[in-house]
Amino acid sequence: MKLKNPVLDFKQTDIKIYKQELEKGVSFDVAGIDYTKEDIHLVDCVKNKKPTLVNVFEASKTQSVMQAIYNSDSEKRSLPVDYID
């Protein structure tokens, strides 16, 4: 990737961007190789009735805050966070 217009201290040069490496022996790919480990973990938890490493209820709180940020920016005013029950 090359910068179209150099900015501040970033010069016109090649930039390398690395993605997560795909594990050997991965049996499926749902959302792209960047998410393969997460996909395998989720499927394993569902199959074995185990809790996931990330609590979906805590994640929904983060998503609610992020949505409020986007809405506030779009409307150019402060808006409350509407948490999902």
C-alpha atoms as a PDB file:
ATOM      1  CA  MET A   1       0.000   0.000   0.000  1.00  0.00           C
ATOM      2  CA  LYS A   2       1.292   3.486  -0.770  1.00  0.00           C
ATOM      3  CA  LEU A   3       0.144   6.782   0.674  1.00  0.00           C
ATOM      4  CA  LYS A   4      -1.643   8.932  -1.884  1.00  0.00           C
ATOM      5  CA  ASN A   5      -0.670  12.192  -0.190  1.00  0.00           C
ATOM      6  CA  PRO A   6       2.095  12.203   2.441  1.00  0.00           C
ATOM      7  CA  VAL A   7       0.896  13.742   5.719  1.00  0.00           C
ATOM      8  CA  LEU A   8       2.988  15.137   8.587  1.00  0.00           C
ATOM      9  CA  ASP A   9       5.783  12.638   9.324  1.00  0.00           C
ATOM     10  CA  PHE A  10       4.353   9.935   7.064  1.00  0.00           C
ATOM     11  CA  LYS A  11       6.362   9.828   3.853  1.00  0.00           C
ATOM     12  CA  GLN A  12       5.496   8.422   0.451  1.00  0.00           C
ATOM     13  CA  THR A  13       6.691   4.861   0.964  1.00  0.00           C
ATOM     14  CA  ASP A  14       5.582   1.261   0.957  1.00  0.00           C
ATOM     15  CA  ILE A  15       3.588   0.202   3.997  1.00  0.00           C
ATOM     16  CA  LYS A  16       3.170  -3.454   4.885  1.00  0.00           C
ATOM     17  CA  ILE A  17       0.003  -4.568   6.628  1.00  0.00           C
ATOM     18  CA  TYR A  18      -0.089  -8.057   8.098  1.00  0.00           C
ATOM     19  CA  LYS A  19      -3.196 -10.104   8.873  1.00  0.00           C
ATOM     20  CA  GLN A  20      -3.494 -12.881  11.433  1.00  0.00           C
ATOM     21  CA  GLU A  21      -2.069 -16.101  10.106  1.00  0.00           C
ATOM     22  CA  LEU A  22      -4.464 -18.934   9.361  1.00  0.00           C
ATOM     23  CA  GLU A  23      -3.822 -21.893  11.631  1.00  0.00           C
ATOM     24  CA  LYS A  24      -2.814 -25.135   9.974  1.00  0.00           C
ATOM     25  CA  GLY A  25      -5.581 -27.711  10.049  1.00  0.00           C
ATOM     26  CA  VAL A  26      -8.448 -25.199  10.254  1.00  0.00           C
ATOM     27  CA  SER A  27     -11.604 -27.034   9.257  1.00  0.00           C
ATOM     28  CA  PHE A  28     -13.690 -24.047   8.120  1.00  0.00           C
ATOM     29  CA  ASP A  29     -13.623 -20.306   7.382  1.00  0.00           C
ATOM     30  CA  VAL A  30     -16.815 -18.341   8.134  1.00  0.00           C
ATOM     31  CA  ALA A  31     -15.956 -14.632   8.091  1.00  0.00           C
ATOM     32  CA  GLY A  32     -12.433 -14.584   6.704  1.00  0.00           C
ATOM     33  CA  ILE A  33      -9.119 -15.766   8.007  1.00  0.00           C
ATOM     34  CA  ASP A  34      -8.863 -12.876  10.464  1.00  0.00           C
ATOM     35  CA  TYR A  35     -11.722 -14.351  12.477  1.00  0.00           C
ATOM     36  CA  THR A  36     -11.091 -18.084  12.112  1.00  0.00           C
ATOM     37  CA  LYS A  37      -9.881 -18.645  15.695  1.00  0.00           C
ATOM     38  CA  GLU A  38     -12.875 -16.746  17.058  1.00  0.00           C
ATOM     39  CA  ASP A  39     -15.260 -18.732  14.828  1.00  0.00           C
ATOM     40  CA  ILE A  40     -13.781 -22.048  15.977  1.00  0.00           C
ATOM     41  CA  HIS A  41     -14.057 -20.951  19.621  1.00  0.00           C
ATOM     42  CA  LEU A  42     -17.725 -19.978  19.201  1.00  0.00           C
ATOM     43  CA  VAL A  43     -18.652 -23.241  17.471  1.00  0.00           C
ATOM     44  CA  ASP A  44     -16.805 -25.248  20.137  1.00  0.00           C
ATOM     45  CA  CYS A  45     -18.681 -23.410  22.906  1.00  0.00           C
ATOM     46  CA  VAL A  46     -22.059 -23.978  21.275  1.00  0.00           C
ATOM     47  CA  LYS A  47     -21.351 -27.661  20.603  1.00  0.00           C
ATOM     48  CA  ASN A  48     -20.074 -28.285  24.131  1.00  0.00           C
ATOM     49  CA  LYS A  49     -22.489 -25.932  25.930  1.00  0.00           C
ATOM     50  CA  LYS A  50     -19.644 -23.851  27.366  1.00  0.00           C
ATOM     51  CA  PRO A  51     -19.583 -20.084  27.925  1.00  0.00           C
ATOM     52  CA  THR A  52     -17.587 -18.045  25.428  1.00  0.00           C
ATOM     53  CA  LEU A  53     -14.538 -16.038  26.475  1.00  0.00           C
ATOM     54  CA  VAL A  54     -16.450 -12.843  25.694  1.00  0.00           C
ATOM     55  CA  ASN A  55     -19.755 -12.323  27.474  1.00  0.00           C
ATOM     56  CA  VAL A  56     -22.381 -11.332  24.883  1.00  0.00           C
ATOM     57  CA  PHE A  57     -24.234  -9.162  27.412  1.00  0.00           C
ATOM     58  CA  GLU A  58     -21.082  -7.144  28.165  1.00  0.00           C
ATOM     59  CA  ALA A  59     -20.385  -6.879  24.434  1.00  0.00           C
ATOM     60  CA  SER A  60     -23.885  -5.482  23.863  1.00  0.00           C
ATOM     61  CA  LYS A  61     -23.111  -2.661  26.315  1.00  0.00           C
ATOM     62  CA  THR A  62     -20.048  -1.733  24.265  1.00  0.00           C
ATOM     63  CA  GLN A  63     -22.104  -1.865  21.070  1.00  0.00           C
ATOM     64  CA  SER A  64     -24.732   0.425  22.644  1.00  0.00           C
ATOM     65  CA  VAL A  65     -22.062   2.999  23.531  1.00  0.00           C
ATOM     66  CA  MET A  66     -20.581   2.829  20.027  1.00  0.00           C
ATOM     67  CA  GLN A  67     -24.013   3.289  18.443  1.00  0.00           C
ATOM     68  CA  ALA A  68     -24.667   6.333  20.654  1.00  0.00           C
ATOM     69  CA  ILE A  69     -21.340   7.810  19.511  1.00  0.00           C
ATOM     70  CA  TYR A  70     -22.250   7.320  15.836  1.00  0.00           C
ATOM     71  CA  ASN A  71     -25.755   8.734  16.369  1.00  0.00           C
ATOM     72  CA  SER A  72     -24.419  11.733  18.293  1.00  0.00           C
ATOM     73  CA  ASP A  73     -21.918  12.474  15.551  1.00  0.00           C
ATOM     74  CA  SER A  74     -24.561  12.121  12.856  1.00  0.00           C
ATOM     75  CA  GLU A  75     -26.975  14.450  14.651  1.00  0.00           C
ATOM     76  CA  LYS A  76     -24.212  16.791  15.889  1.00  0.00           C
ATOM     77  CA  ARG A  77     -25.512  16.713  19.447  1.00  0.00           C
ATOM     78  CA  SER A  78     -25.155  14.676  22.613  1.00  0.00           C
ATOM     79  CA  LEU A  79     -27.486  11.711  22.847  1.00  0.00           C
ATOM     80  CA  PRO A  80     -28.056   9.234  25.660  1.00  0.00           C
ATOM     81  CA  VAL A  81     -26.863   5.651  25.450  1.00  0.00           C
ATOM     82  CA  ASP A  82     -29.792   3.264  24.935  1.00  0.00           C
ATOM     83  CA  TYR A  83     -28.718  -0.015  26.473  1.00  0.00           C
ATOM     84  CA  ILE A  84     -30.372  -3.230  25.280  1.00  0.00           C
ATOM     85  CA  ASP A  85     -32.031  -5.163  28.098  1.00  0.00           C
END
